[in-house]
């Protein structure tokens, strides 16, 4: 007797079911790997980048410096104190922003390399078959 697709996928068929089940689990695990590699780990990369920037902000304090940009340093309300406050804060913001940009660029380069690992491995395997 000929079997239909439903017969092959049913529990009653025996050996055919185990092969279909193994194929289904194999494909599911491949999809699960790519979901974990790209979706879950991308969240981790972003979280680590934000954590690194927040940690560095404790040193450079760019956000607080911008908030108090035009306030004089150390309560010196003279013209020179106000002028020097803007100059020092400008330098602090520029240096902090440059460091943030370098760190974000390193994270971006690492992420791109990391994201390209599975396709490179797949292409390498397919090219050498």
PDB file of N, CA and C in Angstrom:
ATOM      1  N   UNK A   1       0.851  -1.180   0.000  1.00  0.00           N
ATOM      2  CA  UNK A   1       0.000   0.000   0.000  1.00  0.00           C
ATOM      3  C   UNK A   1       0.889   1.232   0.000  1.00  0.00           C
ATOM      4  N   UNK A   2       0.461   2.251  -0.732  1.00  0.00           N
ATOM      5  CA  UNK A   2       1.230   3.498  -0.791  1.00  0.00           C
ATOM      6  C   UNK A   2       0.923   4.346   0.438  1.00  0.00           C
ATOM      7  N   UNK A   3       1.900   5.109   0.855  1.00  0.00           N
ATOM      8  CA  UNK A   3       1.747   5.948   2.039  1.00  0.00           C
ATOM      9  C   UNK A   3       1.612   7.409   1.633  1.00  0.00           C
ATOM     10  N   UNK A   4       0.786   8.124   2.368  1.00  0.00           N
ATOM     11  CA  UNK A   4       0.648   9.556   2.135  1.00  0.00           C
ATOM     12  C   UNK A   4       1.614  10.293   3.057  1.00  0.00           C
ATOM     13  N   UNK A   5       1.699  11.597   2.882  1.00  0.00           N
ATOM     14  CA  UNK A   5       2.580  12.414   3.719  1.00  0.00           C
ATOM     15  C   UNK A   5       2.141  12.334   5.173  1.00  0.00           C
ATOM     16  N   UNK A   6       0.839  12.327   5.419  1.00  0.00           N
ATOM     17  CA  UNK A   6       0.343  12.223   6.788  1.00  0.00           C
ATOM     18  C   UNK A   6       0.720  10.895   7.422  1.00  0.00           C
ATOM     19  N   UNK A   7       0.742   9.831   6.633  1.00  0.00           N
ATOM     20  CA  UNK A   7       1.151   8.542   7.164  1.00  0.00           C
ATOM     21  C   UNK A   7       2.620   8.559   7.569  1.00  0.00           C
ATOM     22  N   UNK A   8       3.442   9.220   6.762  1.00  0.00           N
ATOM     23  CA  UNK A   8       4.870   9.278   7.061  1.00  0.00           C
ATOM     24  C   UNK A   8       5.120  10.077   8.333  1.00  0.00           C
ATOM     25  N   UNK A   9       4.343  11.119   8.550  1.00  0.00           N
ATOM     26  CA  UNK A   9       4.537  11.968   9.710  1.00  0.00           C
ATOM     27  C   UNK A   9       3.835  11.459  10.964  1.00  0.00           C
ATOM     28  N   UNK A  10       3.053  10.436  10.852  1.00  0.00           N
ATOM     29  CA  UNK A  10       2.303   9.949  12.018  1.00  0.00           C
ATOM     30  C   UNK A  10       3.161   9.013  12.853  1.00  0.00           C
ATOM     31  N   UNK A  11       2.715   8.743  14.062  1.00  0.00           N
ATOM     32  CA  UNK A  11       3.430   7.868  14.982  1.00  0.00           C
ATOM     33  C   UNK A  11       3.310   6.399  14.609  1.00  0.00           C
ATOM     34  N   UNK A  12       2.380   6.055  13.770  1.00  0.00           N
ATOM     35  CA  UNK A  12       2.074   4.665  13.497  1.00  0.00           C
ATOM     36  C   UNK A  12       3.002   4.025  12.473  1.00  0.00           C
ATOM     37  N   UNK A  13       3.778   4.779  11.800  1.00  0.00           N
ATOM     38  CA  UNK A  13       4.520   4.248  10.676  1.00  0.00           C
ATOM     39  C   UNK A  13       5.815   3.568  11.101  1.00  0.00           C
ATOM     40  N   UNK A  14       6.366   3.925  12.225  1.00  0.00           N
ATOM     41  CA  UNK A  14       7.555   3.221  12.707  1.00  0.00           C
ATOM     42  C   UNK A  14       8.831   3.931  12.332  1.00  0.00           C
ATOM     43  N   UNK A  15       9.648   3.274  11.512  1.00  0.00           N
ATOM     44  CA  UNK A  15      10.959   3.791  11.197  1.00  0.00           C
ATOM     45  C   UNK A  15      10.908   5.110  10.445  1.00  0.00           C
ATOM     46  N   UNK A  16       9.935   5.321   9.611  1.00  0.00           N
ATOM     47  CA  UNK A  16       9.835   6.573   8.865  1.00  0.00           C
ATOM     48  C   UNK A  16       9.686   7.746   9.810  1.00  0.00           C
ATOM     49  N   UNK A  17       8.954   7.546  10.873  1.00  0.00           N
ATOM     50  CA  UNK A  17       8.753   8.638  11.816  1.00  0.00           C
ATOM     51  C   UNK A  17      10.059   9.061  12.471  1.00  0.00           C
ATOM     52  N   UNK A  18      10.880   8.112  12.847  1.00  0.00           N
ATOM     53  CA  UNK A  18      12.124   8.466  13.527  1.00  0.00           C
ATOM     54  C   UNK A  18      13.037   9.269  12.608  1.00  0.00           C
ATOM     55  N   UNK A  19      13.076   8.933  11.337  1.00  0.00           N
ATOM     56  CA  UNK A  19      13.896   9.705  10.396  1.00  0.00           C
ATOM     57  C   UNK A  19      13.348  11.112  10.225  1.00  0.00           C
ATOM     58  N   UNK A  20      12.035  11.230  10.119  1.00  0.00           N
ATOM     59  CA  UNK A  20      11.414  12.552   9.987  1.00  0.00           C
ATOM     60  C   UNK A  20      11.651  13.357  11.252  1.00  0.00           C
ATOM     61  N   UNK A  21      11.511  12.705  12.405  1.00  0.00           N
ATOM     62  CA  UNK A  21      11.724  13.382  13.681  1.00  0.00           C
ATOM     63  C   UNK A  21      13.164  13.875  13.802  1.00  0.00           C
ATOM     64  N   UNK A  22      14.121  13.023  13.454  1.00  0.00           N
ATOM     65  CA  UNK A  22      15.523  13.425  13.531  1.00  0.00           C
ATOM     66  C   UNK A  22      15.829  14.572  12.579  1.00  0.00           C
ATOM     67  N   UNK A  23      15.264  14.532  11.375  1.00  0.00           N
ATOM     68  CA  UNK A  23      15.454  15.623  10.431  1.00  0.00           C
ATOM     69  C   UNK A  23      14.844  16.918  10.969  1.00  0.00           C
ATOM     70  N   UNK A  24      13.656  16.806  11.542  1.00  0.00           N
ATOM     71  CA  UNK A  24      12.993  17.986  12.097  1.00  0.00           C
ATOM     72  C   UNK A  24      13.812  18.570  13.247  1.00  0.00           C
ATOM     73  N   UNK A  25      14.318  17.732  14.137  1.00  0.00           N
ATOM     74  CA  UNK A  25      15.121  18.212  15.269  1.00  0.00           C
ATOM     75  C   UNK A  25      16.441  18.807  14.784  1.00  0.00           C
ATOM     76  N   UNK A  26      17.036  18.220  13.752  1.00  0.00           N
ATOM     77  CA  UNK A  26      18.273  18.747  13.183  1.00  0.00           C
ATOM     78  C   UNK A  26      18.054  20.153  12.639  1.00  0.00           C
ATOM     79  N   UNK A  27      16.990  20.320  11.851  1.00  0.00           N
ATOM     80  CA  UNK A  27      16.689  21.641  11.295  1.00  0.00           C
ATOM     81  C   UNK A  27      16.320  22.637  12.392  1.00  0.00           C
ATOM     82  N   UNK A  28      15.599  22.174  13.405  1.00  0.00           N
ATOM     83  CA  UNK A  28      15.237  23.048  14.519  1.00  0.00           C
ATOM     84  C   UNK A  28      16.486  23.528  15.245  1.00  0.00           C
ATOM     85  N   UNK A  29      17.424  22.639  15.496  1.00  0.00           N
ATOM     86  CA  UNK A  29      18.651  23.010  16.204  1.00  0.00           C
ATOM     87  C   UNK A  29      19.508  23.978  15.384  1.00  0.00           C
ATOM     88  N   UNK A  30      19.514  23.813  14.084  1.00  0.00           N
ATOM     89  CA  UNK A  30      20.249  24.762  13.242  1.00  0.00           C
ATOM     90  C   UNK A  30      19.617  26.145  13.365  1.00  0.00           C
ATOM     91  N   UNK A  31      18.292  26.209  13.247  1.00  0.00           N
ATOM     92  CA  UNK A  31      17.600  27.483  13.409  1.00  0.00           C
ATOM     93  C   UNK A  31      17.791  28.065  14.802  1.00  0.00           C
ATOM     94  N   UNK A  32      17.775  27.201  15.813  1.00  0.00           N
ATOM     95  CA  UNK A  32      17.972  27.648  17.191  1.00  0.00           C
ATOM     96  C   UNK A  32      19.378  28.204  17.387  1.00  0.00           C
ATOM     97  N   UNK A  33      20.365  27.580  16.756  1.00  0.00           N
ATOM     98  CA  UNK A  33      21.731  28.093  16.832  1.00  0.00           C
ATOM     99  C   UNK A  33      21.814  29.499  16.260  1.00  0.00           C
ATOM    100  N   UNK A  34      21.254  29.712  15.077  1.00  0.00           N
ATOM    101  CA  UNK A  34      21.332  31.035  14.464  1.00  0.00           C
ATOM    102  C   UNK A  34      20.540  32.072  15.266  1.00  0.00           C
ATOM    103  N   UNK A  35      19.428  31.663  15.852  1.00  0.00           N
ATOM    104  CA  UNK A  35      18.676  32.587  16.707  1.00  0.00           C
ATOM    105  C   UNK A  35      19.525  32.971  17.917  1.00  0.00           C
ATOM    106  N   UNK A  36      20.155  31.990  18.532  1.00  0.00           N
ATOM    107  CA  UNK A  36      21.003  32.272  19.690  1.00  0.00           C
ATOM    108  C   UNK A  36      22.211  33.119  19.282  1.00  0.00           C
ATOM    109  N   UNK A  37      22.838  32.775  18.163  1.00  0.00           N
ATOM    110  CA  UNK A  37      24.057  33.459  17.739  1.00  0.00           C
ATOM    111  C   UNK A  37      23.778  34.910  17.390  1.00  0.00           C
ATOM    112  N   UNK A  38      22.700  35.168  16.650  1.00  0.00           N
ATOM    113  CA  UNK A  38      22.455  36.525  16.169  1.00  0.00           C
ATOM    114  C   UNK A  38      21.517  37.329  17.068  1.00  0.00           C
ATOM    115  N   UNK A  39      20.424  36.784  17.526  1.00  0.00           N
ATOM    116  CA  UNK A  39      19.448  37.562  18.287  1.00  0.00           C
ATOM    117  C   UNK A  39      19.878  37.700  19.747  1.00  0.00           C
ATOM    118  N   UNK A  40      20.059  36.576  20.414  1.00  0.00           N
ATOM    119  CA  UNK A  40      20.387  36.617  21.839  1.00  0.00           C
ATOM    120  C   UNK A  40      21.749  37.263  22.094  1.00  0.00           C
ATOM    121  N   UNK A  41      22.736  36.883  21.330  1.00  0.00           N
ATOM    122  CA  UNK A  41      24.069  37.414  21.569  1.00  0.00           C
ATOM    123  C   UNK A  41      24.192  38.868  21.107  1.00  0.00           C
ATOM    124  N   UNK A  42      23.395  39.297  20.136  1.00  0.00           N
ATOM    125  CA  UNK A  42      23.402  40.706  19.751  1.00  0.00           C
ATOM    126  C   UNK A  42      22.943  41.573  20.909  1.00  0.00           C
ATOM    127  N   UNK A  43      21.950  41.095  21.628  1.00  0.00           N
ATOM    128  CA  UNK A  43      21.510  41.820  22.832  1.00  0.00           C
ATOM    129  C   UNK A  43      22.649  41.908  23.837  1.00  0.00           C
ATOM    130  N   UNK A  44      23.408  40.840  23.973  1.00  0.00           N
ATOM    131  CA  UNK A  44      24.539  40.834  24.902  1.00  0.00           C
ATOM    132  C   UNK A  44      25.623  41.818  24.466  1.00  0.00           C
ATOM    133  N   UNK A  45      25.910  41.876  23.172  1.00  0.00           N
ATOM    134  CA  UNK A  45      26.889  42.840  22.658  1.00  0.00           C
ATOM    135  C   UNK A  45      26.456  44.270  22.976  1.00  0.00           C
ATOM    136  N   UNK A  46      25.189  44.575  22.721  1.00  0.00           N
ATOM    137  CA  UNK A  46      24.686  45.931  22.980  1.00  0.00           C
ATOM    138  C   UNK A  46      24.738  46.228  24.474  1.00  0.00           C
ATOM    139  N   UNK A  47      24.342  45.257  25.286  1.00  0.00           N
ATOM    140  CA  UNK A  47      24.390  45.450  26.740  1.00  0.00           C
ATOM    141  C   UNK A  47      25.820  45.711  27.211  1.00  0.00           C
ATOM    142  N   UNK A  48      26.777  44.948  26.703  1.00  0.00           N
ATOM    143  CA  UNK A  48      28.176  45.147  27.089  1.00  0.00           C
ATOM    144  C   UNK A  48      28.718  46.485  26.623  1.00  0.00           C
ATOM    145  N   UNK A  49      28.314  46.928  25.432  1.00  0.00           N
ATOM    146  CA  UNK A  49      28.737  48.246  24.944  1.00  0.00           C
ATOM    147  C   UNK A  49      28.196  49.342  25.852  1.00  0.00           C
ATOM    148  N   UNK A  50      26.924  49.281  26.177  1.00  0.00           N
ATOM    149  CA  UNK A  50      26.331  50.303  27.043  1.00  0.00           C
ATOM    150  C   UNK A  50      26.971  50.265  28.426  1.00  0.00           C
ATOM    151  N   UNK A  51      27.218  49.085  28.947  1.00  0.00           N
ATOM    152  CA  UNK A  51      27.882  48.974  30.252  1.00  0.00           C
ATOM    153  C   UNK A  51      29.286  49.576  30.220  1.00  0.00           C
ATOM    154  N   UNK A  52      30.016  49.326  29.132  1.00  0.00           N
ATOM    155  CA  UNK A  52      31.364  49.889  29.010  1.00  0.00           C
ATOM    156  C   UNK A  52      31.307  51.415  28.932  1.00  0.00           C
ATOM    157  N   UNK A  53      30.359  51.941  28.171  1.00  0.00           N
ATOM    158  CA  UNK A  53      30.238  53.398  28.069  1.00  0.00           C
ATOM    159  C   UNK A  53      29.815  54.010  29.401  1.00  0.00           C
ATOM    160  N   UNK A  54      28.906  53.354  30.111  1.00  0.00           N
ATOM    161  CA  UNK A  54      28.505  53.857  31.432  1.00  0.00           C
ATOM    162  C   UNK A  54      29.677  53.815  32.413  1.00  0.00           C
ATOM    163  N   UNK A  55      30.481  52.768  32.343  1.00  0.00           N
ATOM    164  CA  UNK A  55      31.644  52.672  33.221  1.00  0.00           C
ATOM    165  C   UNK A  55      32.639  53.791  32.916  1.00  0.00           C
ATOM    166  N   UNK A  56      32.865  54.051  31.640  1.00  0.00           N
ATOM    167  CA  UNK A  56      33.790  55.123  31.261  1.00  0.00           C
ATOM    168  C   UNK A  56      33.226  56.497  31.604  1.00  0.00           C
ATOM    169  N   UNK A  57      31.901  56.622  31.629  1.00  0.00           N
ATOM    170  CA  UNK A  57      31.300  57.911  31.961  1.00  0.00           C
ATOM    171  C   UNK A  57      31.571  58.287  33.418  1.00  0.00           C
ATOM    172  N   UNK A  58      31.907  57.313  34.246  1.00  0.00           N
ATOM    173  CA  UNK A  58      32.304  57.626  35.620  1.00  0.00           C
ATOM    174  C   UNK A  58      33.625  58.380  35.647  1.00  0.00           C
ATOM    175  N   UNK A  59      34.469  58.135  34.640  1.00  0.00           N
ATOM    176  CA  UNK A  59      35.753  58.826  34.558  1.00  0.00           C
ATOM    177  C   UNK A  59      35.628  60.141  33.781  1.00  0.00           C
ATOM    178  N   UNK A  60      35.022  60.097  32.618  1.00  0.00           N
ATOM    179  CA  UNK A  60      34.965  61.270  31.759  1.00  0.00           C
ATOM    180  C   UNK A  60      33.795  62.188  32.074  1.00  0.00           C
ATOM    181  N   UNK A  61      32.728  61.664  32.632  1.00  0.00           N
ATOM    182  CA  UNK A  61      31.559  62.436  33.065  1.00  0.00           C
ATOM    183  C   UNK A  61      31.062  63.389  31.982  1.00  0.00           C
ATOM    184  N   UNK A  62      30.948  62.904  30.764  1.00  0.00           N
ATOM    185  CA  UNK A  62      30.526  63.761  29.655  1.00  0.00           C
ATOM    186  C   UNK A  62      29.099  64.261  29.864  1.00  0.00           C
ATOM    187  N   UNK A  63      28.234  63.409  30.326  1.00  0.00           N
ATOM    188  CA  UNK A  63      26.840  63.799  30.504  1.00  0.00           C
ATOM    189  C   UNK A  63      26.708  64.907  31.555  1.00  0.00           C
ATOM    190  N   UNK A  64      27.370  64.749  32.665  1.00  0.00           N
ATOM    191  CA  UNK A  64      27.307  65.764  33.718  1.00  0.00           C
ATOM    192  C   UNK A  64      28.030  67.033  33.277  1.00  0.00           C
ATOM    193  N   UNK A  65      29.129  66.867  32.562  1.00  0.00           N
ATOM    194  CA  UNK A  65      29.866  68.033  32.066  1.00  0.00           C
ATOM    195  C   UNK A  65      28.997  68.845  31.109  1.00  0.00           C
ATOM    196  N   UNK A  66      28.255  68.170  30.238  1.00  0.00           N
ATOM    197  CA  UNK A  66      27.358  68.903  29.342  1.00  0.00           C
ATOM    198  C   UNK A  66      26.233  69.594  30.106  1.00  0.00           C
ATOM    199  N   UNK A  67      25.772  68.949  31.166  1.00  0.00           N
ATOM    200  CA  UNK A  67      24.693  69.532  31.971  1.00  0.00           C
ATOM    201  C   UNK A  67      25.149  70.835  32.632  1.00  0.00           C
ATOM    202  N   UNK A  68      26.396  70.884  33.082  1.00  0.00           N
ATOM    203  CA  UNK A  68      26.935  72.058  33.774  1.00  0.00           C
ATOM    204  C   UNK A  68      27.942  72.810  32.904  1.00  0.00           C
ATOM    205  N   UNK A  69      27.757  72.778  31.613  1.00  0.00           N
ATOM    206  CA  UNK A  69      28.755  73.293  30.677  1.00  0.00           C
ATOM    207  C   UNK A  69      29.095  74.757  30.921  1.00  0.00           C
ATOM    208  N   UNK A  70      28.098  75.597  31.114  1.00  0.00           N
ATOM    209  CA  UNK A  70      28.347  77.033  31.232  1.00  0.00           C
ATOM    210  C   UNK A  70      28.459  77.505  32.683  1.00  0.00           C
ATOM    211  N   UNK A  71      28.460  76.582  33.624  1.00  0.00           N
ATOM    212  CA  UNK A  71      28.667  76.964  35.019  1.00  0.00           C
ATOM    213  C   UNK A  71      30.166  77.065  35.276  1.00  0.00           C
ATOM    214  N   UNK A  72      30.576  78.003  36.102  1.00  0.00           N
ATOM    215  CA  UNK A  72      32.021  78.144  36.365  1.00  0.00           C
ATOM    216  C   UNK A  72      32.555  76.971  37.185  1.00  0.00           C
ATOM    217  N   UNK A  73      33.839  76.697  36.975  1.00  0.00           N
ATOM    218  CA  UNK A  73      34.492  75.626  37.730  1.00  0.00           C
ATOM    219  C   UNK A  73      34.734  76.084  39.159  1.00  0.00           C
ATOM    220  N   UNK A  74      34.501  75.197  40.085  1.00  0.00           N
ATOM    221  CA  UNK A  74      34.822  75.403  41.501  1.00  0.00           C
ATOM    222  C   UNK A  74      34.185  76.668  42.069  1.00  0.00           C
ATOM    223  N   UNK A  75      33.053  77.098  41.511  1.00  0.00           N
ATOM    224  CA  UNK A  75      32.333  78.255  42.051  1.00  0.00           C
ATOM    225  C   UNK A  75      33.024  79.582  41.796  1.00  0.00           C
ATOM    226  N   UNK A  76      33.949  79.641  40.859  1.00  0.00           N
ATOM    227  CA  UNK A  76      34.637  80.897  40.525  1.00  0.00           C
ATOM    228  C   UNK A  76      33.781  81.663  39.526  1.00  0.00           C
ATOM    229  N   UNK A  77      33.013  82.627  40.011  1.00  0.00           N
ATOM    230  CA  UNK A  77      32.058  83.344  39.165  1.00  0.00           C
ATOM    231  C   UNK A  77      32.668  84.565  38.484  1.00  0.00           C
ATOM    232  N   UNK A  78      33.974  84.685  38.487  1.00  0.00           N
ATOM    233  CA  UNK A  78      34.587  85.789  37.759  1.00  0.00           C
ATOM    234  C   UNK A  78      34.561  85.483  36.271  1.00  0.00           C
ATOM    235  N   UNK A  79      34.873  86.482  35.471  1.00  0.00           N
ATOM    236  CA  UNK A  79      34.884  86.289  34.010  1.00  0.00           C
ATOM    237  C   UNK A  79      35.918  85.243  33.627  1.00  0.00           C
ATOM    238  N   UNK A  80      37.081  85.290  34.240  1.00  0.00           N
ATOM    239  CA  UNK A  80      38.136  84.321  33.936  1.00  0.00           C
ATOM    240  C   UNK A  80      37.680  82.912  34.342  1.00  0.00           C
ATOM    241  N   UNK A  81      37.030  82.783  35.505  1.00  0.00           N
ATOM    242  CA  UNK A  81      36.535  81.482  35.962  1.00  0.00           C
ATOM    243  C   UNK A  81      35.501  80.907  35.012  1.00  0.00           C
ATOM    244  N   UNK A  82      34.603  81.762  34.541  1.00  0.00           N
ATOM    245  CA  UNK A  82      33.589  81.291  33.573  1.00  0.00           C
ATOM    246  C   UNK A  82      34.248  80.899  32.246  1.00  0.00           C
ATOM    247  N   UNK A  83      35.204  81.704  31.804  1.00  0.00           N
ATOM    248  CA  UNK A  83      35.892  81.431  30.547  1.00  0.00           C
ATOM    249  C   UNK A  83      36.687  80.129  30.621  1.00  0.00           C
ATOM    250  N   UNK A  84      37.443  79.950  31.685  1.00  0.00           N
ATOM    251  CA  UNK A  84      38.234  78.730  31.834  1.00  0.00           C
ATOM    252  C   UNK A  84      37.339  77.502  32.008  1.00  0.00           C
ATOM    253  N   UNK A  85      36.195  77.673  32.673  1.00  0.00           N
ATOM    254  CA  UNK A  85      35.259  76.554  32.839  1.00  0.00           C
ATOM    255  C   UNK A  85      34.782  76.021  31.504  1.00  0.00           C
ATOM    256  N   UNK A  86      34.443  76.925  30.581  1.00  0.00           N
ATOM    257  CA  UNK A  86      33.991  76.496  29.251  1.00  0.00           C
ATOM    258  C   UNK A  86      35.125  75.812  28.491  1.00  0.00           C
ATOM    259  N   UNK A  87      36.325  76.356  28.612  1.00  0.00           N
ATOM    260  CA  UNK A  87      37.467  75.754  27.902  1.00  0.00           C
ATOM    261  C   UNK A  87      37.774  74.357  28.447  1.00  0.00           C
ATOM    262  N   UNK A  88      37.880  74.233  29.770  1.00  0.00           N
ATOM    263  CA  UNK A  88      38.193  72.921  30.355  1.00  0.00           C
ATOM    264  C   UNK A  88      37.085  71.902  30.086  1.00  0.00           C
ATOM    265  N   UNK A  89      35.858  72.355  30.178  1.00  0.00           N
ATOM    266  CA  UNK A  89      34.751  71.428  29.926  1.00  0.00           C
ATOM    267  C   UNK A  89      34.686  71.029  28.451  1.00  0.00           C
ATOM    268  N   UNK A  90      35.010  71.965  27.573  1.00  0.00           N
ATOM    269  CA  UNK A  90      35.041  71.618  26.142  1.00  0.00           C
ATOM    270  C   UNK A  90      36.086  70.538  25.883  1.00  0.00           C
ATOM    271  N   UNK A  91      37.255  70.694  26.484  1.00  0.00           N
ATOM    272  CA  UNK A  91      38.299  69.687  26.322  1.00  0.00           C
ATOM    273  C   UNK A  91      37.877  68.339  26.878  1.00  0.00           C
ATOM    274  N   UNK A  92      37.232  68.378  28.028  1.00  0.00           N
ATOM    275  CA  UNK A  92      36.776  67.127  28.640  1.00  0.00           C
ATOM    276  C   UNK A  92      35.731  66.435  27.771  1.00  0.00           C
ATOM    277  N   UNK A  93      34.808  67.210  27.206  1.00  0.00           N
ATOM    278  CA  UNK A  93      33.771  66.631  26.340  1.00  0.00           C
ATOM    279  C   UNK A  93      34.398  66.084  25.062  1.00  0.00           C
ATOM    280  N   UNK A  94      35.337  66.820  24.467  1.00  0.00           N
ATOM    281  CA  UNK A  94      35.981  66.343  23.238  1.00  0.00           C
ATOM    282  C   UNK A  94      36.790  65.071  23.474  1.00  0.00           C
ATOM    283  N   UNK A  95      37.564  65.043  24.531  1.00  0.00           N
ATOM    284  CA  UNK A  95      38.376  63.854  24.824  1.00  0.00           C
ATOM    285  C   UNK A  95      37.474  62.670  25.152  1.00  0.00           C
ATOM    286  N   UNK A  96      36.474  62.903  25.998  1.00  0.00           N
ATOM    287  CA  UNK A  96      35.548  61.822  26.344  1.00  0.00           C
ATOM    288  C   UNK A  96      34.804  61.293  25.128  1.00  0.00           C
ATOM    289  N   UNK A  97      34.358  62.204  24.264  1.00  0.00           N
ATOM    290  CA  UNK A  97      33.644  61.777  23.056  1.00  0.00           C
ATOM    291  C   UNK A  97      34.549  60.981  22.128  1.00  0.00           C
ATOM    292  N   UNK A  98      35.809  61.395  22.020  1.00  0.00           N
ATOM    293  CA  UNK A  98      36.758  60.658  21.175  1.00  0.00           C
ATOM    294  C   UNK A  98      36.992  59.247  21.732  1.00  0.00           C
ATOM    295  N   UNK A  99      37.135  59.138  23.041  1.00  0.00           N
ATOM    296  CA  UNK A  99      37.332  57.818  23.649  1.00  0.00           C
ATOM    297  C   UNK A  99      36.086  56.960  23.456  1.00  0.00           C
ATOM    298  N   UNK A 100      34.903  57.562  23.655  1.00  0.00           N
ATOM    299  CA  UNK A 100      33.658  56.822  23.441  1.00  0.00           C
ATOM    300  C   UNK A 100      33.563  56.334  22.004  1.00  0.00           C
ATOM    301  N   UNK A 101      33.952  57.185  21.060  1.00  0.00           N
ATOM    302  CA  UNK A 101      33.896  56.809  19.646  1.00  0.00           C
ATOM    303  C   UNK A 101      34.848  55.654  19.343  1.00  0.00           C
ATOM    304  N   UNK A 102      36.042  55.695  19.915  1.00  0.00           N
ATOM    305  CA  UNK A 102      37.005  54.607  19.700  1.00  0.00           C
ATOM    306  C   UNK A 102      36.466  53.297  20.278  1.00  0.00           C
ATOM    307  N   UNK A 103      35.934  53.357  21.495  1.00  0.00           N
ATOM    308  CA  UNK A 103      35.403  52.146  22.128  1.00  0.00           C
ATOM    309  C   UNK A 103      34.217  51.598  21.336  1.00  0.00           C
ATOM    310  N   UNK A 104      33.310  52.483  20.910  1.00  0.00           N
ATOM    311  CA  UNK A 104      32.163  52.041  20.113  1.00  0.00           C
ATOM    312  C   UNK A 104      32.622  51.449  18.778  1.00  0.00           C
ATOM    313  N   UNK A 105      33.669  52.016  18.186  1.00  0.00           N
ATOM    314  CA  UNK A 105      34.192  51.486  16.922  1.00  0.00           C
ATOM    315  C   UNK A 105      34.818  50.104  17.117  1.00  0.00           C
ATOM    316  N   UNK A 106      35.525  49.912  18.219  1.00  0.00           N
ATOM    317  CA  UNK A 106      36.114  48.597  18.510  1.00  0.00           C
ATOM    318  C   UNK A 106      34.998  47.574  18.720  1.00  0.00           C
ATOM    319  N   UNK A 107      33.955  47.959  19.456  1.00  0.00           N
ATOM    320  CA  UNK A 107      32.819  47.057  19.644  1.00  0.00           C
ATOM    321  C   UNK A 107      32.160  46.736  18.299  1.00  0.00           C
ATOM    322  N   UNK A 108      31.982  47.757  17.447  1.00  0.00           N
ATOM    323  CA  UNK A 108      31.342  47.532  16.146  1.00  0.00           C
ATOM    324  C   UNK A 108      32.186  46.604  15.276  1.00  0.00           C
ATOM    325  N   UNK A 109      33.495  46.809  15.257  1.00  0.00           N
ATOM    326  CA  UNK A 109      34.371  45.933  14.464  1.00  0.00           C
ATOM    327  C   UNK A 109      34.335  44.504  15.004  1.00  0.00           C
ATOM    328  N   UNK A 110      34.378  44.375  16.322  1.00  0.00           N
ATOM    329  CA  UNK A 110      34.292  43.038  16.920  1.00  0.00           C
ATOM    330  C   UNK A 110      32.967  42.365  16.607  1.00  0.00           C
ATOM    331  N   UNK A 111      31.896  43.127  16.649  1.00  0.00           N
ATOM    332  CA  UNK A 111      30.571  42.566  16.348  1.00  0.00           C
ATOM    333  C   UNK A 111      30.481  42.120  14.893  1.00  0.00           C
ATOM    334  N   UNK A 112      30.998  42.918  13.982  1.00  0.00           N
ATOM    335  CA  UNK A 112      30.951  42.557  12.561  1.00  0.00           C
ATOM    336  C   UNK A 112      31.760  41.287  12.309  1.00  0.00           C
ATOM    337  N   UNK A 113      32.950  41.222  12.881  1.00  0.00           N
ATOM    338  CA  UNK A 113      33.767  40.008  12.729  1.00  0.00           C
ATOM    339  C   UNK A 113      33.043  38.806  13.320  1.00  0.00           C
ATOM    340  N   UNK A 114      32.491  38.989  14.518  1.00  0.00           N
ATOM    341  CA  UNK A 114      31.768  37.913  15.197  1.00  0.00           C
ATOM    342  C   UNK A 114      30.552  37.463  14.383  1.00  0.00           C
ATOM    343  N   UNK A 115      29.835  38.419  13.792  1.00  0.00           N
ATOM    344  CA  UNK A 115      28.635  38.077  13.013  1.00  0.00           C
ATOM    345  C   UNK A 115      28.989  37.356  11.715  1.00  0.00           C
ATOM    346  N   UNK A 116      30.176  37.587  11.204  1.00  0.00           N
ATOM    347  CA  UNK A 116      30.583  36.959   9.947  1.00  0.00           C
ATOM    348  C   UNK A 116      31.174  35.554  10.122  1.00  0.00           C
ATOM    349  N   UNK A 117      31.420  35.147  11.348  1.00  0.00           N
ATOM    350  CA  UNK A 117      32.038  33.830  11.573  1.00  0.00           C
ATOM    351  C   UNK A 117      31.192  32.687  11.005  1.00  0.00           C
ATOM    352  N   UNK A 118      29.891  32.557  11.321  1.00  0.00           N
ATOM    353  CA  UNK A 118      29.123  31.437  10.756  1.00  0.00           C
ATOM    354  C   UNK A 118      29.063  31.424   9.226  1.00  0.00           C
ATOM    355  N   UNK A 119      28.781  32.564   8.564  1.00  0.00           N
ATOM    356  CA  UNK A 119      28.777  32.498   7.096  1.00  0.00           C
ATOM    357  C   UNK A 119      30.131  32.136   6.505  1.00  0.00           C
ATOM    358  N   UNK A 120      31.203  32.611   7.101  1.00  0.00           N
ATOM    359  CA  UNK A 120      32.534  32.274   6.588  1.00  0.00           C
ATOM    360  C   UNK A 120      32.797  30.775   6.743  1.00  0.00           C
ATOM    361  N   UNK A 121      32.433  30.218   7.882  1.00  0.00           N
ATOM    362  CA  UNK A 121      32.622  28.777   8.090  1.00  0.00           C
ATOM    363  C   UNK A 121      31.773  27.979   7.105  1.00  0.00           C
ATOM    364  N   UNK A 122      30.530  28.391   6.909  1.00  0.00           N
ATOM    365  CA  UNK A 122      29.641  27.692   5.966  1.00  0.00           C
ATOM    366  C   UNK A 122      30.201  27.759   4.556  1.00  0.00           C
ATOM    367  N   UNK A 123      30.649  28.948   4.134  1.00  0.00           N
ATOM    368  CA  UNK A 123      31.222  29.086   2.791  1.00  0.00           C
ATOM    369  C   UNK A 123      32.505  28.268   2.652  1.00  0.00           C
ATOM    370  N   UNK A 124      33.333  28.245   3.684  1.00  0.00           N
ATOM    371  CA  UNK A 124      34.548  27.456   3.653  1.00  0.00           C
ATOM    372  C   UNK A 124      34.251  25.973   3.510  1.00  0.00           C
ATOM    373  N   UNK A 125      33.257  25.499   4.265  1.00  0.00           N
ATOM    374  CA  UNK A 125      32.894  24.079   4.193  1.00  0.00           C
ATOM    375  C   UNK A 125      32.324  23.757   2.827  1.00  0.00           C
ATOM    376  N   UNK A 126      31.442  24.611   2.303  1.00  0.00           N
ATOM    377  CA  UNK A 126      30.839  24.349   0.997  1.00  0.00           C
ATOM    378  C   UNK A 126      31.865  24.402  -0.133  1.00  0.00           C
ATOM    379  N   UNK A 127      32.859  25.275   0.013  1.00  0.00           N
ATOM    380  CA  UNK A 127      33.879  25.384  -1.028  1.00  0.00           C
ATOM    381  C   UNK A 127      34.822  24.187  -1.037  1.00  0.00           C
ATOM    382  N   UNK A 128      34.933  23.507   0.089  1.00  0.00           N
ATOM    383  CA  UNK A 128      35.861  22.377   0.187  1.00  0.00           C
ATOM    384  C   UNK A 128      35.185  21.030   0.144  1.00  0.00           C
ATOM    385  N   UNK A 129      33.944  21.000  -0.238  1.00  0.00           N
ATOM    386  CA  UNK A 129      33.234  19.714  -0.336  1.00  0.00           C
ATOM    387  C   UNK A 129      33.630  19.018  -1.629  1.00  0.00           C
TER     388      UNK A 129
END
